Each structure stands twice: as structure tokens, then as C-alpha cells.
Amino acid sequence: MKVFNGKTAADDYMSSHTLTFSTPELTLTRFAFWLGDMVPDPKNPGQQIPRLMNFVEEKDFAPTPLVDDDKFVPTGAMKSMGDLYGSVNTQTDSDSKFCSECGSKLSLIAKFCTECGANQD
């Protein structure tokens, strides 16, 4: 994948130009014009390319894992919410029910299983 290395380009610009005007908009405008200047192509002598192309690099990124919104995997972050989604402390008397998916013991007001994440409708 080709990626623009803006940090290297900005460092190169700042090191080679005195910024007599410190207005950010003017500096940005001058930087944009500097990137658009035609310069000799280092790979093809006699050809010219926009300076911007000198800062475009080929990089290989690791694939991004896809998020599956159809499957809920509990992280345990909601267990401290008390009775909002059902108590983590399961009762041992008749005020409890079992998960339809994994069979874990849940409170009667649980909306989903705290172990497997299955909806308890």
C-alpha cells in the first residue's frame, strides 16, 4: 500500500525554509505549494514529478481483524454494574434461572448470560 509520509515531508520542508511568517494558514499554504513543485525524478533521469511523490512510500500493513457484530463475547467489564444486567453473584435458591445456551446459573432479571453472552429472552 502506498502511504504519504507527512512527518518526513514536513521535517524536510521546515529544515530547508525559514518561516518569516508564522501564521499557520500561510505556513500550511506554503507547504502545500512546496509539495506540488515539480522536481527531478530520482528513478527516471530527465523526468519530473511533483515533490509529493518523493514522500510516498510502499508499506505493508498487517490485516485488520474484522469485528463480528453478530457474536457478543463478554469481557467482564459489565459485571460490576450490579443488577443492571443481572447479578454476577448467582443465587442458589428458586430466584435463579439457567442459560439456554451454556447452562450457567443466572439471576431471574438477567438480560444476557455473563458467561457466554447469549440473550435471555
Protein backbone atom coordinates (compact mmCIF):
# COMPACT_ATOMS: atom_id res chain seq x y z
CA MET A 1 0.00 0.00 0.00
CA LYS A 2 1.33 3.44 -0.85
CA VAL A 3 1.34 5.84 2.09
CA PHE A 4 2.28 9.53 2.29
CA ASN A 5 4.94 10.13 4.95
CA GLY A 6 3.84 13.59 6.08
CA LYS A 7 6.24 13.78 9.02
CA THR A 8 9.29 13.32 6.81
CA ALA A 9 7.94 15.82 4.29
CA ALA A 10 7.21 18.42 6.99
CA ASP A 11 10.64 17.92 8.58
CA ASP A 12 12.32 18.33 5.19
CA TYR A 13 10.30 21.49 4.48
CA MET A 14 10.94 23.04 7.90
CA SER A 15 14.67 22.35 7.72
CA SER A 16 15.07 23.97 4.30
CA HIS A 17 12.86 27.07 4.66
CA THR A 18 12.91 29.99 7.04
CA LEU A 19 9.40 30.73 8.18
CA THR A 20 9.30 34.53 8.32
CA PHE A 21 5.50 34.40 8.51
CA SER A 22 4.31 32.36 11.46
CA THR A 23 0.61 32.32 10.55
CA PRO A 24 -0.40 28.63 10.49
CA GLU A 25 -2.63 29.06 7.42
CA LEU A 26 0.17 30.71 5.46
CA THR A 27 2.69 28.08 6.56
CA LEU A 28 0.30 25.32 5.51
CA THR A 29 -0.35 27.02 2.17
CA ARG A 30 3.37 27.41 1.50
CA PHE A 31 3.93 23.76 2.50
CA ALA A 32 1.19 22.61 0.07
CA PHE A 33 2.74 24.64 -2.79
CA TRP A 34 6.18 23.25 -1.89
CA LEU A 35 4.82 19.69 -2.09
CA GLY A 36 3.35 20.46 -5.52
CA ASP A 37 6.60 21.81 -7.02
CA MET A 38 7.97 19.79 -9.93
CA VAL A 39 11.34 18.23 -9.10
CA PRO A 40 13.63 15.81 -10.97
CA ASP A 41 12.56 12.17 -10.65
CA PRO A 42 15.33 10.25 -8.84
CA LYS A 43 14.31 6.96 -10.51
CA ASN A 44 13.93 8.28 -14.09
CA PRO A 45 16.62 10.83 -15.07
CA GLY A 46 15.27 13.56 -17.29
CA GLN A 47 11.71 13.18 -15.96
CA GLN A 48 9.97 15.44 -13.44
CA ILE A 49 7.48 14.54 -10.75
CA PRO A 50 5.67 16.50 -8.03
CA ARG A 51 7.78 16.69 -4.88
CA LEU A 52 4.93 14.95 -3.05
CA MET A 53 5.82 11.68 -4.82
CA ASN A 54 9.23 11.67 -3.10
CA PHE A 55 7.43 11.17 0.21
CA VAL A 56 5.07 8.40 -0.91
CA GLU A 57 6.31 5.08 0.47
CA GLU A 58 5.34 1.48 -0.11
CA LYS A 59 4.35 -0.10 3.21
CA ASP A 60 2.95 -3.48 4.14
CA PHE A 61 0.39 -3.42 6.92
CA ALA A 62 -0.88 -6.40 8.86
CA PRO A 63 -4.50 -7.21 8.05
CA THR A 64 -7.03 -5.63 10.38
CA PRO A 65 -9.16 -8.12 12.30
CA LEU A 66 -12.83 -7.84 11.40
CA VAL A 67 -15.37 -7.16 14.12
CA ASP A 68 -18.22 -9.65 14.12
CA ASP A 69 -21.24 -7.74 15.40
CA ASP A 70 -23.41 -10.86 15.39
CA LYS A 71 -21.50 -12.51 18.21
CA PHE A 72 -21.11 -10.99 21.66
CA VAL A 73 -18.15 -12.08 23.73
CA PRO A 74 -18.33 -10.75 27.29
CA THR A 75 -15.16 -9.11 28.57
CA GLY A 76 -16.21 -8.91 32.19
CA ALA A 77 -16.30 -5.10 32.17
CA MET A 78 -20.05 -5.01 32.86
CA LYS A 79 -20.02 -7.44 35.77
CA SER A 80 -19.59 -4.66 38.32
CA MET A 81 -22.79 -2.90 37.21
CA GLY A 82 -24.83 -4.70 39.85
CA ASP A 83 -28.39 -5.61 38.88
CA LEU A 84 -28.44 -3.75 35.55
CA TYR A 85 -27.81 -6.91 33.51
CA GLY A 86 -28.31 -9.44 36.24
CA SER A 87 -26.21 -10.06 39.28
CA VAL A 88 -22.84 -11.76 38.99
CA ASN A 89 -23.46 -13.38 42.33
CA THR A 90 -25.88 -16.10 41.36
CA GLN A 91 -28.49 -17.09 43.88
CA THR A 92 -28.79 -20.71 44.86
CA ASP A 93 -32.49 -20.66 45.74
CA SER A 94 -35.54 -20.58 43.43
CA ASP A 95 -34.79 -16.96 42.38
CA SER A 96 -32.44 -18.10 39.61
CA LYS A 97 -32.62 -19.49 36.11
CA PHE A 98 -30.22 -21.23 33.75
CA CYS A 99 -28.74 -20.01 30.46
CA SER A 100 -30.39 -21.57 27.42
CA GLU A 101 -27.02 -21.86 25.65
CA CYS A 102 -24.38 -22.87 28.18
CA GLY A 103 -26.44 -23.79 31.26
CA SER A 104 -24.81 -21.28 33.64
CA LYS A 105 -26.87 -20.22 36.63
CA LEU A 106 -28.25 -16.66 36.26
CA SER A 107 -30.49 -14.34 38.22
CA LEU A 108 -34.13 -14.05 37.15
CA ILE A 109 -33.64 -10.49 35.85
CA ALA A 110 -30.58 -11.28 33.70
CA LYS A 111 -30.89 -9.98 30.13
CA PHE A 112 -27.92 -11.99 28.84
CA CYS A 113 -25.60 -14.69 30.11
CA THR A 114 -22.49 -13.41 31.91
CA GLU A 115 -20.52 -16.46 30.74
CA CYS A 116 -21.36 -16.91 27.04
CA GLY A 117 -23.21 -13.66 26.21
CA ALA A 118 -26.39 -15.34 24.91
CA ASN A 119 -29.58 -13.27 25.05
CA GLN A 120 -32.01 -14.44 27.72
CA ASP A 121 -35.44 -13.61 26.28
